[in-house]
Amino acid sequence: MQPTEELKLKAALTVAGNNCFSAQQVKAIASQFIDDYSRLRFAQAAWPNTVDKENFYFVYDEFAYFSTVFMLHDYIVSQESRPVDYIPPYEPPLSLNWPAFQYPDWNQYRGVSNCRFPMNSDEFVRLAVQVRDNPAEAHRVILLRQIVENNCIAVEQAMKLASLLQSENNRLNFFRQAIPSIYDVDNLPLGAQLFSHVPNRNAYNELIRQPVPVPQPLGPPCYVSPEEFTQILTSIKKESFNNTRVTLTRQILRSKQCFTTMQIKEIVKLFSFDDARLDIAMFAWEFTTDKDNYYLVAEEFSFSSTKEKLMKFLETK
């Protein structure tokens, strides 16, 4: 019933702190949010009061980005390693105090644009706070990449977001990803203020002088048709011995190379034991087209320890 995403999250965090949930109930509430940042905040808050923590991986299904699943997984691992009587230190609310740069005004901008209109200030502040709340620089990089991939941003907003990164190399990489989503392109020279080291400033100035690459037309889609996939399943089922079935499956995966996560799940089901399922799941990752969804393959394992092994494998990719 809450009218905004921010109020939804505020209400959900209150509920999470005062109630016990099943993993499926956490999953259901997480589905009410429209972005991964809110889902992550809620899932982290709900984890301590989830009664069937061994099923918490079901919550992963609600995330749009594989990187956010990793953040939640890392959080859970960190919580499980803490003593039972651990009390987190008090952390005062963060305020957004931006560096004293000269920021361009995009409201009257009429020059070259790469997108239609920047995100509104409320949405920008909400996303910026979520990035700032994350203490890991590597995770901030991932979150910022997701922001620029899904939003139009002004140079002012890009400068403020980049200032949340400590490394100037990370700031430079952020702008490399952000430029195709910049609204007021002619204001990009002001972004050089973010770089105190001359080589980095020069690299930034060289970057913004380069034309934005025009997307090339995609080639034919890479996929295995439903009819062909049915034949593949039949061929694998015909093999009686597990070792032979594994060998044949590996040959098929390497040959076709264009499977979806859901097709890999169906292949994994053909094996009776978790060790063979894990072997195929790890091998098949390279030949899957929608890798962001690959965590769903873990649903086909019988034991939580095997699910954990797959998640650790995916963390290295």
Protein backbone atom coordinates (compact mmCIF):
# COMPACT_ATOMS: atom_id res chain seq x y z
CA MET A 1 0.00 0.00 0.00
CA GLN A 2 2.99 2.35 0.32
CA PRO A 3 3.10 4.90 -2.55
CA THR A 4 6.89 5.00 -3.05
CA GLU A 5 9.73 2.51 -3.05
CA GLU A 6 11.40 4.35 -0.16
CA LEU A 7 8.29 4.07 2.03
CA LYS A 8 7.86 0.42 1.05
CA LEU A 9 11.39 -0.29 2.22
CA LYS A 10 10.93 1.64 5.45
CA ALA A 11 7.76 -0.32 6.27
CA ALA A 12 9.37 -3.64 5.32
CA LEU A 13 12.43 -2.99 7.50
CA THR A 14 10.16 -2.29 10.45
CA VAL A 15 8.25 -5.52 9.87
CA ALA A 16 11.50 -7.47 9.43
CA GLY A 17 12.81 -6.31 12.79
CA ASN A 18 9.65 -7.23 14.71
CA ASN A 19 8.59 -10.56 13.22
CA CYS A 20 9.81 -14.06 12.42
CA PHE A 21 9.52 -15.23 8.81
CA SER A 22 9.90 -18.31 6.71
CA ALA A 23 12.23 -18.04 3.71
CA GLN A 24 9.23 -18.16 1.38
CA GLN A 25 7.64 -15.23 3.23
CA VAL A 26 10.86 -13.22 2.89
CA LYS A 27 10.85 -14.08 -0.82
CA ALA A 28 7.23 -12.91 -1.16
CA ILE A 29 7.93 -9.54 0.47
CA ALA A 30 11.11 -9.06 -1.55
CA SER A 31 9.06 -9.47 -4.72
CA GLN A 32 7.13 -6.29 -3.86
CA PHE A 33 10.15 -4.07 -4.60
CA ILE A 34 11.02 -2.78 -8.05
CA ASP A 35 14.82 -2.70 -7.69
CA ASP A 36 17.55 -4.94 -6.33
CA TYR A 37 18.85 -2.34 -3.88
CA SER A 38 15.64 -2.42 -1.83
CA ARG A 39 15.41 -6.21 -2.07
CA LEU A 40 18.96 -6.51 -0.74
CA ARG A 41 18.35 -4.16 2.20
CA PHE A 42 15.17 -6.00 3.17
CA ALA A 43 16.66 -9.50 2.79
CA GLN A 44 19.62 -8.53 4.97
CA ALA A 45 17.25 -7.19 7.64
CA ALA A 46 15.04 -10.29 7.48
CA TRP A 47 17.85 -12.85 7.66
CA PRO A 48 18.33 -12.83 11.48
CA ASN A 49 14.61 -13.56 12.07
CA THR A 50 14.21 -16.22 9.36
CA VAL A 51 13.32 -19.51 11.02
CA ASP A 52 14.39 -21.84 8.19
CA LYS A 53 17.70 -20.30 7.21
CA GLU A 54 18.68 -23.45 5.32
CA ASN A 55 16.03 -22.48 2.73
CA PHE A 56 17.08 -18.85 2.41
CA TYR A 57 18.57 -19.46 -1.02
CA PHE A 58 14.98 -19.37 -2.35
CA VAL A 59 15.07 -15.61 -1.74
CA TYR A 60 17.84 -15.34 -4.36
CA ASP A 61 15.24 -16.01 -7.07
CA GLU A 62 13.77 -12.52 -6.62
CA PHE A 63 16.94 -10.64 -7.61
CA ALA A 64 17.42 -9.31 -11.11
CA TYR A 65 21.23 -9.16 -10.93
CA PHE A 66 23.61 -11.99 -10.13
CA SER A 67 25.99 -9.49 -8.47
CA THR A 68 23.31 -8.57 -5.90
CA VAL A 69 22.82 -12.26 -5.10
CA PHE A 70 26.54 -12.43 -4.34
CA MET A 71 26.26 -9.42 -2.02
CA LEU A 72 23.45 -11.10 -0.09
CA HIS A 73 25.37 -14.37 0.00
CA ASP A 74 28.51 -12.60 1.31
CA TYR A 75 26.41 -10.87 3.96
CA ILE A 76 24.92 -14.19 5.14
CA VAL A 77 28.35 -15.81 5.31
CA SER A 78 29.65 -12.90 7.39
CA GLN A 79 26.70 -13.16 9.77
CA GLU A 80 27.10 -16.90 10.22
CA SER A 81 30.75 -16.44 11.19
CA ARG A 82 29.95 -14.02 14.04
CA PRO A 83 29.54 -15.13 17.66
CA VAL A 84 25.96 -15.71 18.80
CA ASP A 85 26.13 -12.83 21.26
CA TYR A 86 27.57 -10.38 18.71
CA ILE A 87 26.04 -6.90 18.96
CA PRO A 88 26.78 -4.67 15.98
CA PRO A 89 28.22 -1.25 16.82
CA TYR A 90 25.97 1.77 16.61
CA GLU A 91 26.27 3.54 13.29
CA PRO A 92 24.77 7.02 12.99
CA PRO A 93 22.72 7.77 9.87
CA LEU A 94 24.84 8.77 6.90
CA SER A 95 24.32 12.21 5.42
CA LEU A 96 25.20 12.98 1.84
CA ASN A 97 27.91 15.64 1.97
CA TRP A 98 29.35 16.02 -1.51
CA PRO A 99 32.84 17.38 -2.32
CA ALA A 100 33.03 21.13 -2.96
CA PHE A 101 33.33 20.87 -6.73
CA GLN A 102 31.90 23.15 -9.38
CA TYR A 103 28.85 21.16 -10.51
CA PRO A 104 27.18 21.93 -13.85
CA ASP A 105 23.48 22.87 -13.96
CA TRP A 106 21.71 20.54 -16.35
CA ASN A 107 18.23 22.06 -15.96
CA GLN A 108 18.76 24.57 -18.78
CA TYR A 109 20.92 22.26 -20.88
CA ARG A 110 20.20 22.20 -24.64
CA GLY A 111 23.31 20.48 -26.03
CA VAL A 112 24.18 16.95 -27.09
CA SER A 113 22.50 14.19 -25.05
CA ASN A 114 22.92 10.43 -24.88
CA CYS A 115 19.53 9.91 -23.18
CA ARG A 116 16.20 11.64 -22.69
CA PHE A 117 16.13 13.01 -19.12
CA PRO A 118 18.13 12.47 -15.90
CA MET A 119 16.64 10.61 -12.95
CA ASN A 120 14.83 12.80 -10.45
CA SER A 121 16.61 14.05 -7.33
CA ASP A 122 14.70 11.83 -4.88
CA GLU A 123 15.58 8.67 -6.81
CA PHE A 124 19.18 9.82 -7.14
CA VAL A 125 19.57 10.44 -3.40
CA ARG A 126 17.97 7.08 -2.55
CA LEU A 127 20.36 5.20 -4.85
CA ALA A 128 23.38 7.23 -3.72
CA VAL A 129 22.65 6.47 -0.05
CA GLN A 130 22.44 2.77 -0.83
CA VAL A 131 25.83 2.89 -2.52
CA ARG A 132 27.33 4.89 0.33
CA ASP A 133 25.91 2.46 2.90
CA ASN A 134 27.99 -0.34 1.39
CA PRO A 135 31.47 -0.35 2.99
CA ALA A 136 33.15 -2.47 0.29
CA GLU A 137 34.60 -0.51 -2.63
CA ALA A 138 34.20 -3.52 -4.95
CA HIS A 139 30.49 -3.72 -4.15
CA ARG A 140 30.09 0.01 -4.67
CA VAL A 141 31.60 -0.41 -8.14
CA ILE A 142 29.03 -3.10 -8.96
CA LEU A 143 26.11 -1.03 -7.67
CA LEU A 144 27.22 2.06 -9.58
CA ARG A 145 27.52 0.04 -12.77
CA GLN A 146 23.94 -1.15 -12.32
CA ILE A 147 22.76 2.43 -11.75
CA VAL A 148 24.26 3.77 -14.97
CA GLU A 149 23.08 0.75 -16.95
CA ASN A 150 19.47 1.40 -15.92
CA ASN A 151 19.23 5.20 -15.66
CA CYS A 152 19.89 8.42 -17.50
CA ILE A 153 22.16 10.62 -15.38
CA ALA A 154 23.41 14.19 -15.45
CA VAL A 155 27.11 15.04 -15.19
CA GLU A 156 26.43 16.50 -11.74
CA GLN A 157 24.95 13.15 -10.64
CA ALA A 158 27.82 11.21 -12.24
CA MET A 159 30.39 13.35 -10.44
CA LYS A 160 28.69 12.83 -7.08
CA LEU A 161 28.37 9.09 -7.61
CA ALA A 162 32.00 8.81 -8.69
CA SER A 163 33.07 10.67 -5.52
CA LEU A 164 31.77 7.69 -3.51
CA LEU A 165 34.73 5.70 -4.83
CA GLN A 166 38.13 6.16 -3.21
CA SER A 167 40.24 4.86 -6.10
CA GLU A 168 40.76 7.26 -8.99
CA ASN A 169 41.13 4.26 -11.29
CA ASN A 170 37.68 3.10 -10.22
CA ARG A 171 36.33 6.60 -10.83
CA LEU A 172 37.81 6.57 -14.32
CA ASN A 173 36.28 3.16 -15.06
CA PHE A 174 32.95 4.38 -13.71
CA PHE A 175 32.89 7.25 -16.21
CA ARG A 176 33.91 4.87 -18.99
CA GLN A 177 30.71 2.91 -18.21
CA ALA A 178 28.58 5.98 -17.51
CA ILE A 179 29.23 8.11 -20.60
CA PRO A 180 26.64 6.31 -22.81
CA SER A 181 24.04 7.22 -20.13
CA ILE A 182 25.04 10.89 -19.71
CA TYR A 183 22.37 13.54 -20.38
CA ASP A 184 24.43 16.76 -20.62
CA VAL A 185 27.44 15.51 -22.58
CA ASP A 186 28.94 18.98 -23.11
CA ASN A 187 29.36 19.36 -19.32
CA LEU A 188 31.66 16.33 -19.01
CA PRO A 189 34.90 18.41 -18.85
CA LEU A 190 33.92 19.47 -15.31
CA GLY A 191 34.29 15.85 -14.23
CA ALA A 192 38.08 16.29 -14.36
CA GLN A 193 37.83 17.80 -10.85
CA LEU A 194 37.51 14.24 -9.49
CA PHE A 195 41.12 13.46 -10.40
CA SER A 196 43.96 14.93 -8.36
CA HIS A 197 46.68 12.94 -10.14
CA VAL A 198 47.69 14.44 -13.47
CA PRO A 199 47.92 11.11 -15.39
CA ASN A 200 44.40 10.20 -14.29
CA ARG A 201 43.10 13.66 -15.19
CA ASN A 202 44.71 13.39 -18.60
CA ALA A 203 43.21 9.93 -19.10
CA TYR A 204 39.78 11.31 -18.21
CA ASN A 205 40.08 14.21 -20.63
CA GLU A 206 41.15 11.80 -23.36
CA LEU A 207 38.19 9.54 -22.53
CA ILE A 208 35.56 12.27 -22.88
CA ARG A 209 37.04 13.40 -26.21
CA GLN A 210 36.37 9.99 -27.73
CA PRO A 211 33.06 9.55 -29.56
CA VAL A 212 30.46 7.32 -27.94
CA PRO A 213 30.59 4.00 -29.85
CA VAL A 214 27.56 3.25 -32.00
CA PRO A 215 26.06 -0.16 -31.09
CA GLN A 216 26.70 -2.71 -33.83
CA PRO A 217 23.85 -4.90 -35.04
CA LEU A 218 23.76 -8.22 -33.26
CA GLY A 219 24.42 -11.45 -35.11
CA PRO A 220 21.97 -14.32 -35.20
CA PRO A 221 20.75 -15.39 -31.74
CA CYS A 222 22.62 -18.17 -30.02
CA TYR A 223 20.20 -20.76 -28.68
CA VAL A 224 19.17 -24.41 -28.63
CA SER A 225 15.62 -24.80 -29.92
CA PRO A 226 13.02 -26.68 -27.82
CA GLU A 227 12.89 -29.47 -30.42
CA GLU A 228 16.66 -29.89 -30.43
CA PHE A 229 16.77 -29.74 -26.64
CA THR A 230 14.21 -32.54 -26.36
CA GLN A 231 16.43 -34.70 -28.57
CA ILE A 232 19.43 -33.87 -26.37
CA LEU A 233 17.58 -34.96 -23.22
CA THR A 234 16.53 -38.20 -24.91
CA SER A 235 20.11 -38.95 -25.96
CA ILE A 236 21.43 -38.41 -22.43
CA LYS A 237 18.67 -40.54 -20.86
CA LYS A 238 19.58 -43.49 -23.09
CA GLU A 239 22.94 -43.85 -21.36
CA SER A 240 22.70 -46.29 -18.44
CA PHE A 241 26.08 -45.68 -16.78
CA ASN A 242 26.67 -42.46 -14.91
CA ASN A 243 30.21 -41.92 -16.19
CA THR A 244 29.12 -42.37 -19.78
CA ARG A 245 26.20 -40.00 -19.23
CA VAL A 246 28.54 -37.34 -17.82
CA THR A 247 30.95 -37.69 -20.73
CA LEU A 248 28.18 -37.44 -23.32
CA THR A 249 26.66 -34.41 -21.58
CA ARG A 250 30.00 -32.62 -21.56
CA GLN A 251 30.42 -33.29 -25.29
CA ILE A 252 26.95 -31.94 -26.06
CA LEU A 253 27.46 -28.81 -23.96
CA ARG A 254 30.80 -28.08 -25.61
CA SER A 255 29.35 -28.67 -29.06
CA LYS A 256 26.13 -26.61 -28.81
CA GLN A 257 27.39 -23.89 -26.39
CA CYS A 258 24.13 -21.89 -26.27
CA PHE A 259 21.96 -23.18 -23.43
CA THR A 260 19.70 -21.24 -21.08
CA THR A 261 19.81 -21.63 -17.33
CA MET A 262 16.44 -23.40 -17.37
CA GLN A 263 17.77 -25.90 -19.93
CA ILE A 264 20.81 -26.57 -17.75
CA LYS A 265 18.46 -27.22 -14.83
CA GLU A 266 16.66 -29.86 -16.90
CA ILE A 267 19.96 -31.50 -17.82
CA VAL A 268 21.15 -31.51 -14.20
CA LYS A 269 17.93 -33.28 -13.18
CA LEU A 270 18.94 -36.28 -15.28
CA PHE A 271 21.66 -37.20 -12.76
CA SER A 272 20.82 -39.05 -9.56
CA PHE A 273 23.55 -37.79 -7.26
CA ASP A 274 24.69 -34.32 -6.24
CA ASP A 275 28.34 -34.90 -7.12
CA ALA A 276 27.50 -35.57 -10.79
CA ARG A 277 24.97 -32.71 -10.81
CA LEU A 278 27.59 -30.32 -9.45
CA ASP A 279 30.17 -31.50 -11.97
CA ILE A 280 27.81 -30.82 -14.87
CA ALA A 281 26.59 -27.52 -13.40
CA MET A 282 30.14 -26.19 -13.04
CA PHE A 283 31.10 -27.36 -16.53
CA ALA A 284 27.92 -25.95 -18.15
CA TRP A 285 28.33 -22.40 -16.81
CA GLU A 286 30.68 -21.48 -19.67
CA PHE A 287 28.08 -22.54 -22.25
CA THR A 288 25.10 -20.69 -20.76
CA THR A 289 23.73 -17.54 -22.38
CA ASP A 290 21.95 -16.01 -19.35
CA LYS A 291 24.66 -16.29 -16.71
CA ASP A 292 22.94 -13.73 -14.44
CA ASN A 293 20.29 -16.38 -13.72
CA TYR A 294 22.69 -19.26 -13.15
CA TYR A 295 22.22 -19.33 -9.38
CA LEU A 296 18.82 -20.95 -10.09
CA VAL A 297 20.64 -24.18 -10.96
CA ALA A 298 21.32 -24.61 -7.23
CA GLU A 299 17.63 -25.48 -6.78
CA GLU A 300 18.31 -28.89 -8.32
CA PHE A 301 20.72 -30.00 -5.59
CA SER A 302 19.58 -32.15 -2.69
CA PHE A 303 22.06 -30.89 -0.09
CA SER A 304 22.80 -27.38 1.10
CA SER A 305 26.54 -28.16 1.07
CA THR A 306 26.39 -28.76 -2.69
CA LYS A 307 24.47 -25.52 -3.20
CA GLU A 308 27.22 -23.77 -1.25
CA LYS A 309 29.90 -25.29 -3.49
CA LEU A 310 28.15 -24.01 -6.61
CA MET A 311 27.79 -20.52 -5.13
CA LYS A 312 31.50 -20.45 -4.24
CA PHE A 313 32.33 -21.58 -7.76
CA LEU A 314 30.21 -18.77 -9.23
CA GLU A 315 31.93 -16.22 -7.00
CA THR A 316 35.15 -16.92 -8.86
CA LYS A 317 33.57 -16.13 -12.25
